[in-house]
Amino acid sequence: MSEAEDAQKLSAPEASPDALGPANGSASAPALNADGRERPRFLLEFPSDPALQQLVAAFEAGNYRAVREGAAKLVESSEDPIVAAAARELARRIEPDPLMKYLLFVALGLFVAVVWYAYQGPH
């Protein structure tokens, strides 16, 4: 479960199903973006905050640098814990997977070992 979902549940535990927002079928946020592509589900659950919506637009456009910088600023400046949690969730979604970093280092190590073995002379 994401931080945004956790913060939303903490701030409105007695919310009715109709008040949960776009994830339950309300029309306040379109399920398709401007290009006609389906939007990621976790974005549909984010609150309607202008600064957060700018980050979401940058995320959908692939401008991860703007998301990384804007999310840090939004977390510091936001008074709403749901908006701050949503900004942290966006920042978390653009970070590389730790397993992939490990596998990259293993692949580089194997490459160096093969090159070293190949240049050792006649076998």
PDB file of N, CA and C in Angstrom:
ATOM      1  N   MET A   1       0.845  -1.155   0.000  1.00  0.00           N
ATOM      2  CA  MET A   1       0.000   0.000   0.000  1.00  0.00           C
ATOM      3  C   MET A   1       0.900   1.231   0.000  1.00  0.00           C
ATOM      4  N   SER A   2       0.580   2.231  -0.766  1.00  0.00           N
ATOM      5  CA  SER A   2       1.418   3.420  -0.888  1.00  0.00           C
ATOM      6  C   SER A   2       1.196   4.367   0.281  1.00  0.00           C
ATOM      7  N   GLU A   3       2.131   5.317   0.420  1.00  0.00           N
ATOM      8  CA  GLU A   3       2.022   6.298   1.502  1.00  0.00           C
ATOM      9  C   GLU A   3       0.794   7.174   1.310  1.00  0.00           C
ATOM     10  N   ALA A   4       0.460   7.482   0.059  1.00  0.00           N
ATOM     11  CA  ALA A   4      -0.697   8.333  -0.216  1.00  0.00           C
ATOM     12  C   ALA A   4      -1.980   7.653   0.259  1.00  0.00           C
ATOM     13  N   GLU A   5      -2.071   6.341   0.019  1.00  0.00           N
ATOM     14  CA  GLU A   5      -3.257   5.612   0.462  1.00  0.00           C
ATOM     15  C   GLU A   5      -3.317   5.563   1.978  1.00  0.00           C
ATOM     16  N   ASP A   6      -2.143   5.359   2.618  1.00  0.00           N
ATOM     17  CA  ASP A   6      -2.098   5.326   4.076  1.00  0.00           C
ATOM     18  C   ASP A   6      -2.525   6.662   4.669  1.00  0.00           C
ATOM     19  N   ALA A   7      -1.996   7.762   4.125  1.00  0.00           N
ATOM     20  CA  ALA A   7      -2.328   9.088   4.643  1.00  0.00           C
ATOM     21  C   ALA A   7      -3.797   9.408   4.413  1.00  0.00           C
ATOM     22  N   GLN A   8      -4.333   8.966   3.276  1.00  0.00           N
ATOM     23  CA  GLN A   8      -5.740   9.228   2.980  1.00  0.00           C
ATOM     24  C   GLN A   8      -6.641   8.487   3.962  1.00  0.00           C
ATOM     25  N   LYS A   9      -6.282   7.270   4.300  1.00  0.00           N
ATOM     26  CA  LYS A   9      -7.075   6.507   5.257  1.00  0.00           C
ATOM     27  C   LYS A   9      -6.976   7.084   6.658  1.00  0.00           C
ATOM     28  N   LEU A  10      -5.795   7.608   7.011  1.00  0.00           N
ATOM     29  CA  LEU A  10      -5.628   8.195   8.335  1.00  0.00           C
ATOM     30  C   LEU A  10      -6.412   9.491   8.475  1.00  0.00           C
ATOM     31  N   SER A  11      -6.454  10.295   7.404  1.00  0.00           N
ATOM     32  CA  SER A  11      -7.110  11.586   7.524  1.00  0.00           C
ATOM     33  C   SER A  11      -8.621  11.502   7.370  1.00  0.00           C
ATOM     34  N   ALA A  12      -9.152  10.464   6.725  1.00  0.00           N
ATOM     35  CA  ALA A  12     -10.595  10.343   6.538  1.00  0.00           C
ATOM     36  C   ALA A  12     -11.038   8.902   6.742  1.00  0.00           C
ATOM     37  N   PRO A  13     -10.970   8.380   7.982  1.00  0.00           N
ATOM     38  CA  PRO A  13     -11.314   6.985   8.194  1.00  0.00           C
ATOM     39  C   PRO A  13     -12.789   6.686   8.025  1.00  0.00           C
ATOM     40  N   GLU A  14     -13.666   7.676   8.234  1.00  0.00           N
ATOM     41  CA  GLU A  14     -15.092   7.400   8.127  1.00  0.00           C
ATOM     42  C   GLU A  14     -15.672   7.858   6.789  1.00  0.00           C
ATOM     43  N   ALA A  15     -14.835   7.993   5.760  1.00  0.00           N
ATOM     44  CA  ALA A  15     -15.318   8.460   4.455  1.00  0.00           C
ATOM     45  C   ALA A  15     -16.207   7.407   3.818  1.00  0.00           C
ATOM     46  N   SER A  16     -17.238   7.894   3.154  1.00  0.00           N
ATOM     47  CA  SER A  16     -18.140   6.980   2.459  1.00  0.00           C
ATOM     48  C   SER A  16     -17.529   6.580   1.125  1.00  0.00           C
ATOM     49  N   PRO A  17     -17.977   5.480   0.503  1.00  0.00           N
ATOM     50  CA  PRO A  17     -17.429   5.056  -0.778  1.00  0.00           C
ATOM     51  C   PRO A  17     -17.581   6.120  -1.859  1.00  0.00           C
ATOM     52  N   ASP A  18     -18.605   6.968  -1.771  1.00  0.00           N
ATOM     53  CA  ASP A  18     -18.780   8.012  -2.768  1.00  0.00           C
ATOM     54  C   ASP A  18     -17.740   9.112  -2.622  1.00  0.00           C
ATOM     55  N   ALA A  19     -17.159   9.257  -1.450  1.00  0.00           N
ATOM     56  CA  ALA A  19     -16.211  10.346  -1.208  1.00  0.00           C
ATOM     57  C   ALA A  19     -14.766   9.944  -1.463  1.00  0.00           C
ATOM     58  N   LEU A  20     -14.524   8.713  -1.867  1.00  0.00           N
ATOM     59  CA  LEU A  20     -13.147   8.271  -2.058  1.00  0.00           C
ATOM     60  C   LEU A  20     -12.516   8.804  -3.324  1.00  0.00           C
ATOM     61  N   GLY A  21     -13.242   9.336  -4.247  1.00  0.00           N
ATOM     62  CA  GLY A  21     -12.639  10.032  -5.382  1.00  0.00           C
ATOM     63  C   GLY A  21     -12.630   9.232  -6.662  1.00  0.00           C
ATOM     64  N   PRO A  22     -11.725   9.615  -7.555  1.00  0.00           N
ATOM     65  CA  PRO A  22     -11.723   9.106  -8.905  1.00  0.00           C
ATOM     66  C   PRO A  22     -11.472   7.620  -9.035  1.00  0.00           C
ATOM     67  N   ALA A  23     -10.841   7.002  -8.055  1.00  0.00           N
ATOM     68  CA  ALA A  23     -10.569   5.575  -8.167  1.00  0.00           C
ATOM     69  C   ALA A  23     -11.854   4.754  -8.152  1.00  0.00           C
ATOM     70  N   ASN A  24     -12.923   5.296  -7.586  1.00  0.00           N
ATOM     71  CA  ASN A  24     -14.175   4.568  -7.523  1.00  0.00           C
ATOM     72  C   ASN A  24     -15.160   4.978  -8.598  1.00  0.00           C
ATOM     73  N   GLY A  25     -14.668   5.627  -9.636  1.00  0.00           N
ATOM     74  CA  GLY A  25     -15.539   5.893 -10.758  1.00  0.00           C
ATOM     75  C   GLY A  25     -16.058   7.299 -10.863  1.00  0.00           C
ATOM     76  N   SER A  26     -15.645   8.234 -10.001  1.00  0.00           N
ATOM     77  CA  SER A  26     -16.125   9.594 -10.175  1.00  0.00           C
ATOM     78  C   SER A  26     -15.420  10.210 -11.370  1.00  0.00           C
ATOM     79  N   ALA A  27     -15.981  11.233 -11.929  1.00  0.00           N
ATOM     80  CA  ALA A  27     -15.460  11.797 -13.169  1.00  0.00           C
ATOM     81  C   ALA A  27     -14.548  12.992 -12.938  1.00  0.00           C
ATOM     82  N   SER A  28     -14.042  13.219 -11.728  1.00  0.00           N
ATOM     83  CA  SER A  28     -13.220  14.395 -11.486  1.00  0.00           C
ATOM     84  C   SER A  28     -11.836  14.282 -12.115  1.00  0.00           C
ATOM     85  N   ALA A  29     -11.305  13.089 -12.315  1.00  0.00           N
ATOM     86  CA  ALA A  29     -10.021  12.909 -12.989  1.00  0.00           C
ATOM     87  C   ALA A  29     -10.214  11.884 -14.102  1.00  0.00           C
ATOM     88  N   PRO A  30      -9.849  12.248 -15.328  1.00  0.00           N
ATOM     89  CA  PRO A  30     -10.060  11.319 -16.434  1.00  0.00           C
ATOM     90  C   PRO A  30      -9.147  10.104 -16.327  1.00  0.00           C
ATOM     91  N   ALA A  31      -9.640   8.957 -16.765  1.00  0.00           N
ATOM     92  CA  ALA A  31      -8.842   7.745 -16.760  1.00  0.00           C
ATOM     93  C   ALA A  31      -7.902   7.706 -17.947  1.00  0.00           C
ATOM     94  N   LEU A  32      -8.078   8.620 -18.916  1.00  0.00           N
ATOM     95  CA  LEU A  32      -7.199   8.713 -20.074  1.00  0.00           C
ATOM     96  C   LEU A  32      -6.494  10.062 -20.050  1.00  0.00           C
ATOM     97  N   ASN A  33      -5.231  10.072 -20.490  1.00  0.00           N
ATOM     98  CA  ASN A  33      -4.529  11.347 -20.541  1.00  0.00           C
ATOM     99  C   ASN A  33      -4.819  12.043 -21.874  1.00  0.00           C
ATOM    100  N   ALA A  34      -4.143  13.144 -22.159  1.00  0.00           N
ATOM    101  CA  ALA A  34      -4.410  13.928 -23.363  1.00  0.00           C
ATOM    102  C   ALA A  34      -4.094  13.153 -24.639  1.00  0.00           C
ATOM    103  N   ASP A  35      -3.182  12.198 -24.568  1.00  0.00           N
ATOM    104  CA  ASP A  35      -2.835  11.390 -25.738  1.00  0.00           C
ATOM    105  C   ASP A  35      -3.768  10.206 -25.927  1.00  0.00           C
ATOM    106  N   GLY A  36      -4.717  10.032 -25.032  1.00  0.00           N
ATOM    107  CA  GLY A  36      -5.644   8.914 -25.121  1.00  0.00           C
ATOM    108  C   GLY A  36      -5.119   7.645 -24.463  1.00  0.00           C
ATOM    109  N   ARG A  37      -4.001   7.742 -23.770  1.00  0.00           N
ATOM    110  CA  ARG A  37      -3.444   6.580 -23.078  1.00  0.00           C
ATOM    111  C   ARG A  37      -4.051   6.462 -21.683  1.00  0.00           C
ATOM    112  N   GLU A  38      -4.134   5.241 -21.210  1.00  0.00           N
ATOM    113  CA  GLU A  38      -4.672   5.021 -19.869  1.00  0.00           C
ATOM    114  C   GLU A  38      -3.677   5.512 -18.826  1.00  0.00           C
ATOM    115  N   ARG A  39      -4.186   6.228 -17.844  1.00  0.00           N
ATOM    116  CA  ARG A  39      -3.340   6.753 -16.787  1.00  0.00           C
ATOM    117  C   ARG A  39      -3.088   5.671 -15.739  1.00  0.00           C
ATOM    118  N   PRO A  40      -1.925   5.693 -15.084  1.00  0.00           N
ATOM    119  CA  PRO A  40      -1.667   4.733 -14.005  1.00  0.00           C
ATOM    120  C   PRO A  40      -2.697   4.895 -12.887  1.00  0.00           C
ATOM    121  N   ARG A  41      -3.119   3.788 -12.327  1.00  0.00           N
ATOM    122  CA  ARG A  41      -4.185   3.807 -11.315  1.00  0.00           C
ATOM    123  C   ARG A  41      -3.822   4.596 -10.076  1.00  0.00           C
ATOM    124  N   PHE A  42      -2.562   4.524  -9.660  1.00  0.00           N
ATOM    125  CA  PHE A  42      -2.204   5.212  -8.428  1.00  0.00           C
ATOM    126  C   PHE A  42      -2.333   6.731  -8.592  1.00  0.00           C
ATOM    127  N   LEU A  43      -2.221   7.241  -9.815  1.00  0.00           N
ATOM    128  CA  LEU A  43      -2.375   8.676 -10.045  1.00  0.00           C
ATOM    129  C   LEU A  43      -3.825   9.122  -9.873  1.00  0.00           C
ATOM    130  N   LEU A  44      -4.746   8.239 -10.158  1.00  0.00           N
ATOM    131  CA  LEU A  44      -6.160   8.581 -10.054  1.00  0.00           C
ATOM    132  C   LEU A  44      -6.602   8.771  -8.607  1.00  0.00           C
ATOM    133  N   GLU A  45      -5.832   8.228  -7.671  1.00  0.00           N
ATOM    134  CA  GLU A  45      -6.186   8.314  -6.257  1.00  0.00           C
ATOM    135  C   GLU A  45      -5.592   9.544  -5.582  1.00  0.00           C
ATOM    136  N   PHE A  46      -4.774  10.316  -6.294  1.00  0.00           N
ATOM    137  CA  PHE A  46      -4.144  11.485  -5.704  1.00  0.00           C
ATOM    138  C   PHE A  46      -5.152  12.612  -5.532  1.00  0.00           C
ATOM    139  N   PRO A  47      -4.966  13.455  -4.505  1.00  0.00           N
ATOM    140  CA  PRO A  47      -5.885  14.579  -4.284  1.00  0.00           C
ATOM    141  C   PRO A  47      -5.722  15.654  -5.361  1.00  0.00           C
ATOM    142  N   SER A  48      -6.702  16.526  -5.467  1.00  0.00           N
ATOM    143  CA  SER A  48      -6.676  17.607  -6.449  1.00  0.00           C
ATOM    144  C   SER A  48      -5.981  18.824  -5.859  1.00  0.00           C
ATOM    145  N   ASP A  49      -4.680  18.849  -5.977  1.00  0.00           N
ATOM    146  CA  ASP A  49      -3.869  19.971  -5.536  1.00  0.00           C
ATOM    147  C   ASP A  49      -3.127  20.492  -6.766  1.00  0.00           C
ATOM    148  N   PRO A  50      -3.138  21.798  -7.033  1.00  0.00           N
ATOM    149  CA  PRO A  50      -2.511  22.318  -8.266  1.00  0.00           C
ATOM    150  C   PRO A  50      -1.035  21.966  -8.406  1.00  0.00           C
ATOM    151  N   ALA A  51      -0.265  22.087  -7.326  1.00  0.00           N
ATOM    152  CA  ALA A  51       1.162  21.767  -7.399  1.00  0.00           C
ATOM    153  C   ALA A  51       1.370  20.276  -7.633  1.00  0.00           C
ATOM    154  N   LEU A  52       0.551  19.454  -7.004  1.00  0.00           N
ATOM    155  CA  LEU A  52       0.658  18.008  -7.194  1.00  0.00           C
ATOM    156  C   LEU A  52       0.259  17.624  -8.611  1.00  0.00           C
ATOM    157  N   GLN A  53      -0.748  18.274  -9.158  1.00  0.00           N
ATOM    158  CA  GLN A  53      -1.173  17.965 -10.524  1.00  0.00           C
ATOM    159  C   GLN A  53      -0.096  18.342 -11.527  1.00  0.00           C
ATOM    160  N   GLN A  54       0.701  19.386 -11.258  1.00  0.00           N
ATOM    161  CA  GLN A  54       1.834  19.717 -12.122  1.00  0.00           C
ATOM    162  C   GLN A  54       2.874  18.600 -12.082  1.00  0.00           C
ATOM    163  N   LEU A  55       3.113  18.047 -10.898  1.00  0.00           N
ATOM    164  CA  LEU A  55       4.042  16.925 -10.784  1.00  0.00           C
ATOM    165  C   LEU A  55       3.523  15.693 -11.511  1.00  0.00           C
ATOM    166  N   VAL A  56       2.231  15.450 -11.407  1.00  0.00           N
ATOM    167  CA  VAL A  56       1.627  14.306 -12.095  1.00  0.00           C
ATOM    168  C   VAL A  56       1.764  14.473 -13.604  1.00  0.00           C
ATOM    169  N   ALA A  57       1.535  15.691 -14.099  1.00  0.00           N
ATOM    170  CA  ALA A  57       1.678  15.946 -15.539  1.00  0.00           C
ATOM    171  C   ALA A  57       3.120  15.730 -15.979  1.00  0.00           C
ATOM    172  N   ALA A  58       4.087  16.168 -15.167  1.00  0.00           N
ATOM    173  CA  ALA A  58       5.496  15.947 -15.495  1.00  0.00           C
ATOM    174  C   ALA A  58       5.825  14.461 -15.463  1.00  0.00           C
ATOM    175  N   PHE A  59       5.266  13.731 -14.502  1.00  0.00           N
ATOM    176  CA  PHE A  59       5.484  12.279 -14.404  1.00  0.00           C
ATOM    177  C   PHE A  59       4.961  11.570 -15.646  1.00  0.00           C
ATOM    178  N   GLU A  60       3.747  11.929 -16.066  1.00  0.00           N
ATOM    179  CA  GLU A  60       3.147  11.284 -17.233  1.00  0.00           C
ATOM    180  C   GLU A  60       3.883  11.648 -18.514  1.00  0.00           C
ATOM    181  N   ALA A  61       4.481  12.848 -18.553  1.00  0.00           N
ATOM    182  CA  ALA A  61       5.232  13.272 -19.734  1.00  0.00           C
ATOM    183  C   ALA A  61       6.634  12.673 -19.760  1.00  0.00           C
ATOM    184  N   GLY A  62       7.064  12.083 -18.649  1.00  0.00           N
ATOM    185  CA  GLY A  62       8.394  11.484 -18.599  1.00  0.00           C
ATOM    186  C   GLY A  62       9.469  12.460 -18.158  1.00  0.00           C
ATOM    187  N   ASN A  63       9.097  13.590 -17.619  1.00  0.00           N
ATOM    188  CA  ASN A  63      10.053  14.588 -17.140  1.00  0.00           C
ATOM    189  C   ASN A  63      10.379  14.279 -15.678  1.00  0.00           C
ATOM    190  N   TYR A  64      11.212  13.271 -15.473  1.00  0.00           N
ATOM    191  CA  TYR A  64      11.491  12.784 -14.131  1.00  0.00           C
ATOM    192  C   TYR A  64      12.386  13.742 -13.341  1.00  0.00           C
ATOM    193  N   ARG A  65      13.160  14.545 -14.017  1.00  0.00           N
ATOM    194  CA  ARG A  65      13.971  15.539 -13.323  1.00  0.00           C
ATOM    195  C   ARG A  65      13.062  16.548 -12.607  1.00  0.00           C
ATOM    196  N   ALA A  66      12.037  17.008 -13.319  1.00  0.00           N
ATOM    197  CA  ALA A  66      11.091  17.943 -12.710  1.00  0.00           C
ATOM    198  C   ALA A  66      10.342  17.286 -11.560  1.00  0.00           C
ATOM    199  N   VAL A  67      10.019  16.017 -11.697  1.00  0.00           N
ATOM    200  CA  VAL A  67       9.321  15.296 -10.624  1.00  0.00           C
ATOM    201  C   VAL A  67      10.227  15.182  -9.408  1.00  0.00           C
ATOM    202  N   ARG A  68      11.484  14.830  -9.629  1.00  0.00           N
ATOM    203  CA  ARG A  68      12.427  14.668  -8.516  1.00  0.00           C
ATOM    204  C   ARG A  68      12.599  15.986  -7.756  1.00  0.00           C
ATOM    205  N   GLU A  69      12.785  17.083  -8.483  1.00  0.00           N
ATOM    206  CA  GLU A  69      12.986  18.383  -7.835  1.00  0.00           C
ATOM    207  C   GLU A  69      11.689  18.906  -7.209  1.00  0.00           C
ATOM    208  N   GLY A  70      10.590  18.789  -7.950  1.00  0.00           N
ATOM    209  CA  GLY A  70       9.319  19.315  -7.472  1.00  0.00           C
ATOM    210  C   GLY A  70       8.754  18.544  -6.296  1.00  0.00           C
ATOM    211  N   ALA A  71       8.975  17.233  -6.276  1.00  0.00           N
ATOM    212  CA  ALA A  71       8.451  16.416  -5.177  1.00  0.00           C
ATOM    213  C   ALA A  71       9.126  16.796  -3.861  1.00  0.00           C
ATOM    214  N   ALA A  72      10.424  17.013  -3.896  1.00  0.00           N
ATOM    215  CA  ALA A  72      11.132  17.392  -2.668  1.00  0.00           C
ATOM    216  C   ALA A  72      10.623  18.738  -2.150  1.00  0.00           C
ATOM    217  N   LYS A  73      10.417  19.685  -3.065  1.00  0.00           N
ATOM    218  CA  LYS A  73       9.914  21.000  -2.655  1.00  0.00           C
ATOM    219  C   LYS A  73       8.488  20.902  -2.118  1.00  0.00           C
ATOM    220  N   LEU A  74       7.665  20.093  -2.775  1.00  0.00           N
ATOM    221  CA  LEU A  74       6.270  19.966  -2.358  1.00  0.00           C
ATOM    222  C   LEU A  74       6.150  19.292  -0.995  1.00  0.00           C
ATOM    223  N   VAL A  75       6.983  18.299  -0.725  1.00  0.00           N
ATOM    224  CA  VAL A  75       6.950  17.629   0.577  1.00  0.00           C
ATOM    225  C   VAL A  75       7.298  18.619   1.688  1.00  0.00           C
ATOM    226  N   GLU A  76       8.289  19.476   1.426  1.00  0.00           N
ATOM    227  CA  GLU A  76       8.693  20.450   2.445  1.00  0.00           C
ATOM    228  C   GLU A  76       7.651  21.550   2.651  1.00  0.00           C
ATOM    229  N   SER A  77       7.006  21.989   1.561  1.00  0.00           N
ATOM    230  CA  SER A  77       6.119  23.147   1.658  1.00  0.00           C
ATOM    231  C   SER A  77       4.654  22.797   1.928  1.00  0.00           C
ATOM    232  N   SER A  78       4.262  21.567   1.717  1.00  0.00           N
ATOM    233  CA  SER A  78       2.858  21.198   1.859  1.00  0.00           C
ATOM    234  C   SER A  78       2.480  21.011   3.322  1.00  0.00           C
ATOM    235  N   GLU A  79       1.310  21.550   3.664  1.00  0.00           N
ATOM    236  CA  GLU A  79       0.783  21.357   5.012  1.00  0.00           C
ATOM    237  C   GLU A  79      -0.159  20.163   5.074  1.00  0.00           C
ATOM    238  N   ASP A  80      -0.631  19.727   3.908  1.00  0.00           N
ATOM    239  CA  ASP A  80      -1.559  18.601   3.826  1.00  0.00           C
ATOM    240  C   ASP A  80      -0.762  17.296   3.783  1.00  0.00           C
ATOM    241  N   PRO A  81      -0.935  16.396   4.752  1.00  0.00           N
ATOM    242  CA  PRO A  81      -0.162  15.152   4.747  1.00  0.00           C
ATOM    243  C   PRO A  81      -0.480  14.247   3.557  1.00  0.00           C
ATOM    244  N   ILE A  82      -1.669  14.342   3.013  1.00  0.00           N
ATOM    245  CA  ILE A  82      -2.024  13.513   1.853  1.00  0.00           C
ATOM    246  C   ILE A  82      -1.248  13.968   0.625  1.00  0.00           C
ATOM    247  N   VAL A  83      -1.134  15.282   0.437  1.00  0.00           N
ATOM    248  CA  VAL A  83      -0.381  15.820  -0.700  1.00  0.00           C
ATOM    249  C   VAL A  83       1.100  15.480  -0.547  1.00  0.00           C
ATOM    250  N   ALA A  84       1.637  15.618   0.661  1.00  0.00           N
ATOM    251  CA  ALA A  84       3.040  15.292   0.903  1.00  0.00           C
ATOM    252  C   ALA A  84       3.298  13.800   0.650  1.00  0.00           C
ATOM    253  N   ALA A  85       2.383  12.961   1.084  1.00  0.00           N
ATOM    254  CA  ALA A  85       2.540  11.520   0.858  1.00  0.00           C
ATOM    255  C   ALA A  85       2.458  11.188  -0.631  1.00  0.00           C
ATOM    256  N   ALA A  86       1.590  11.865  -1.359  1.00  0.00           N
ATOM    257  CA  ALA A  86       1.478  11.632  -2.800  1.00  0.00           C
ATOM    258  C   ALA A  86       2.752  12.077  -3.506  1.00  0.00           C
ATOM    259  N   ALA A  87       3.347  13.192  -3.080  1.00  0.00           N
ATOM    260  CA  ALA A  87       4.608  13.656  -3.668  1.00  0.00           C
ATOM    261  C   ALA A  87       5.732  12.663  -3.381  1.00  0.00           C
ATOM    262  N   ARG A  88       5.769  12.121  -2.161  1.00  0.00           N
ATOM    263  CA  ARG A  88       6.775  11.101  -1.837  1.00  0.00           C
ATOM    264  C   ARG A  88       6.566   9.844  -2.676  1.00  0.00           C
ATOM    265  N   GLU A  89       5.313   9.496  -2.919  1.00  0.00           N
ATOM    266  CA  GLU A  89       5.004   8.320  -3.740  1.00  0.00           C
ATOM    267  C   GLU A  89       5.489   8.522  -5.170  1.00  0.00           C
ATOM    268  N   LEU A  90       5.290   9.709  -5.725  1.00  0.00           N
ATOM    269  CA  LEU A  90       5.792   9.995  -7.076  1.00  0.00           C
ATOM    270  C   LEU A  90       7.306   9.892  -7.115  1.00  0.00           C
ATOM    271  N   ALA A  91       7.978  10.441  -6.112  1.00  0.00           N
ATOM    272  CA  ALA A  91       9.439  10.378  -6.067  1.00  0.00           C
ATOM    273  C   ALA A  91       9.913   8.930  -5.932  1.00  0.00           C
ATOM    274  N   ARG A  92       9.208   8.137  -5.153  1.00  0.00           N
ATOM    275  CA  ARG A  92       9.585   6.729  -4.991  1.00  0.00           C
ATOM    276  C   ARG A  92       9.429   5.952  -6.289  1.00  0.00           C
ATOM    277  N   ARG A  93       8.417   6.294  -7.073  1.00  0.00           N
ATOM    278  CA  ARG A  93       8.134   5.573  -8.314  1.00  0.00           C
ATOM    279  C   ARG A  93       9.181   5.805  -9.396  1.00  0.00           C
ATOM    280  N   ILE A  94       9.970   6.875  -9.287  1.00  0.00           N
ATOM    281  CA  ILE A  94      10.973   7.125 -10.325  1.00  0.00           C
ATOM    282  C   ILE A  94      12.368   6.665  -9.910  1.00  0.00           C
ATOM    283  N   GLU A  95      12.515   6.167  -8.695  1.00  0.00           N
ATOM    284  CA  GLU A  95      13.808   5.677  -8.246  1.00  0.00           C
ATOM    285  C   GLU A  95      14.089   4.309  -8.866  1.00  0.00           C
ATOM    286  N   PRO A  96      15.362   4.037  -9.208  1.00  0.00           N
ATOM    287  CA  PRO A  96      15.694   2.728  -9.780  1.00  0.00           C
ATOM    288  C   PRO A  96      15.522   1.609  -8.755  1.00  0.00           C
ATOM    289  N   ASP A  97      15.193   0.450  -9.239  1.00  0.00           N
ATOM    290  CA  ASP A  97      15.006  -0.714  -8.392  1.00  0.00           C
ATOM    291  C   ASP A  97      16.361  -1.138  -7.812  1.00  0.00           C
ATOM    292  N   PRO A  98      16.461  -1.333  -6.497  1.00  0.00           N
ATOM    293  CA  PRO A  98      17.751  -1.721  -5.900  1.00  0.00           C
ATOM    294  C   PRO A  98      18.292  -3.034  -6.475  1.00  0.00           C
ATOM    295  N   LEU A  99      17.436  -3.975  -6.797  1.00  0.00           N
ATOM    296  CA  LEU A  99      17.888  -5.230  -7.375  1.00  0.00           C
ATOM    297  C   LEU A  99      18.560  -5.000  -8.728  1.00  0.00           C
ATOM    298  N   MET A 100      18.036  -4.077  -9.511  1.00  0.00           N
ATOM    299  CA  MET A 100      18.624  -3.806 -10.820  1.00  0.00           C
ATOM    300  C   MET A 100      20.017  -3.184 -10.675  1.00  0.00           C
ATOM    301  N   LYS A 101      20.200  -2.350  -9.659  1.00  0.00           N
ATOM    302  CA  LYS A 101      21.534  -1.794  -9.411  1.00  0.00           C
ATOM    303  C   LYS A 101      22.515  -2.918  -9.077  1.00  0.00           C
ATOM    304  N   TYR A 102      22.100  -3.826  -8.226  1.00  0.00           N
ATOM    305  CA  TYR A 102      22.953  -4.958  -7.849  1.00  0.00           C
ATOM    306  C   TYR A 102      23.294  -5.801  -9.075  1.00  0.00           C
ATOM    307  N   LEU A 103      22.291  -6.108  -9.894  1.00  0.00           N
ATOM    308  CA  LEU A 103      22.540  -6.915 -11.089  1.00  0.00           C
ATOM    309  C   LEU A 103      23.455  -6.205 -12.087  1.00  0.00           C
ATOM    310  N   LEU A 104      23.371  -4.907 -12.163  1.00  0.00           N
ATOM    311  CA  LEU A 104      24.278  -4.149 -13.026  1.00  0.00           C
ATOM    312  C   LEU A 104      25.712  -4.302 -12.548  1.00  0.00           C
ATOM    313  N   PHE A 105      25.942  -4.185 -11.246  1.00  0.00           N
ATOM    314  CA  PHE A 105      27.298  -4.354 -10.717  1.00  0.00           C
ATOM    315  C   PHE A 105      27.816  -5.774 -10.935  1.00  0.00           C
ATOM    316  N   VAL A 106      26.963  -6.771 -10.806  1.00  0.00           N
ATOM    317  CA  VAL A 106      27.363  -8.160 -11.066  1.00  0.00           C
ATOM    318  C   VAL A 106      27.737  -8.324 -12.538  1.00  0.00           C
ATOM    319  N   ALA A 107      26.945  -7.769 -13.442  1.00  0.00           N
ATOM    320  CA  ALA A 107      27.232  -7.873 -14.874  1.00  0.00           C
ATOM    321  C   ALA A 107      28.546  -7.170 -15.221  1.00  0.00           C
ATOM    322  N   LEU A 108      28.780  -6.006 -14.625  1.00  0.00           N
ATOM    323  CA  LEU A 108      30.050  -5.310 -14.869  1.00  0.00           C
ATOM    324  C   LEU A 108      31.230  -6.116 -14.336  1.00  0.00           C
ATOM    325  N   GLY A 109      31.064  -6.737 -13.174  1.00  0.00           N
ATOM    326  CA  GLY A 109      32.115  -7.589 -12.626  1.00  0.00           C
ATOM    327  C   GLY A 109      32.413  -8.774 -13.534  1.00  0.00           C
ATOM    328  N   LEU A 110      31.372  -9.404 -14.054  1.00  0.00           N
ATOM    329  CA  LEU A 110      31.579 -10.521 -14.983  1.00  0.00           C
ATOM    330  C   LEU A 110      32.268 -10.056 -16.261  1.00  0.00           C
ATOM    331  N   PHE A 111      31.897  -8.900 -16.755  1.00  0.00           N
ATOM    332  CA  PHE A 111      32.515  -8.358 -17.961  1.00  0.00           C
ATOM    333  C   PHE A 111      34.010  -8.122 -17.740  1.00  0.00           C
ATOM    334  N   VAL A 112      34.347  -7.512 -16.603  1.00  0.00           N
ATOM    335  CA  VAL A 112      35.758  -7.265 -16.293  1.00  0.00           C
ATOM    336  C   VAL A 112      36.509  -8.582 -16.164  1.00  0.00           C
ATOM    337  N   ALA A 113      35.916  -9.585 -15.543  1.00  0.00           N
ATOM    338  CA  ALA A 113      36.572 -10.892 -15.389  1.00  0.00           C
ATOM    339  C   ALA A 113      36.806 -11.552 -16.749  1.00  0.00           C
ATOM    340  N   VAL A 114      35.855 -11.485 -17.654  1.00  0.00           N
ATOM    341  CA  VAL A 114      36.015 -12.093 -18.979  1.00  0.00           C
ATOM    342  C   VAL A 114      37.088 -11.362 -19.785  1.00  0.00           C
ATOM    343  N   VAL A 115      37.090 -10.044 -19.733  1.00  0.00           N
ATOM    344  CA  VAL A 115      38.119  -9.277 -20.454  1.00  0.00           C
ATOM    345  C   VAL A 115      39.488  -9.567 -19.876  1.00  0.00           C
ATOM    346  N   TRP A 116      39.595  -9.612 -18.560  1.00  0.00           N
ATOM    347  CA  TRP A 116      40.882  -9.916 -17.931  1.00  0.00           C
ATOM    348  C   TRP A 116      41.367 -11.300 -18.352  1.00  0.00           C
ATOM    349  N   TYR A 117      40.471 -12.285 -18.347  1.00  0.00           N
ATOM    350  CA  TYR A 117      40.831 -13.654 -18.741  1.00  0.00           C
ATOM    351  C   TYR A 117      41.254 -13.700 -20.206  1.00  0.00           C
ATOM    352  N   ALA A 118      40.558 -12.972 -21.066  1.00  0.00           N
ATOM    353  CA  ALA A 118      40.860 -12.997 -22.508  1.00  0.00           C
ATOM    354  C   ALA A 118      42.219 -12.386 -22.812  1.00  0.00           C
ATOM    355  N   TYR A 119      42.663 -11.423 -22.039  1.00  0.00           N
ATOM    356  CA  TYR A 119      43.942 -10.749 -22.308  1.00  0.00           C
ATOM    357  C   TYR A 119      45.104 -11.308 -21.487  1.00  0.00           C
ATOM    358  N   GLN A 120      44.944 -12.463 -20.876  1.00  0.00           N
ATOM    359  CA  GLN A 120      46.013 -13.056 -20.092  1.00  0.00           C
ATOM    360  C   GLN A 120      47.082 -13.724 -20.956  1.00  0.00           C
ATOM    361  N   GLY A 121      46.856 -13.842 -22.216  1.00  0.00           N
ATOM    362  CA  GLY A 121      47.839 -14.469 -23.091  1.00  0.00           C
ATOM    363  C   GLY A 121      47.289 -15.769 -23.660  1.00  0.00           C
ATOM    364  N   PRO A 122      48.174 -16.568 -24.234  1.00  0.00           N
ATOM    365  CA  PRO A 122      47.716 -17.828 -24.853  1.00  0.00           C
ATOM    366  C   PRO A 122      47.187 -18.799 -23.796  1.00  0.00           C
ATOM    367  N   HIS A 123      46.091 -19.454 -24.150  1.00  0.00           N
ATOM    368  CA  HIS A 123      45.456 -20.386 -23.207  1.00  0.00           C
ATOM    369  C   HIS A 123      45.666 -21.791 -23.648  1.00  0.00           C
TER     370      HIS A 123
END
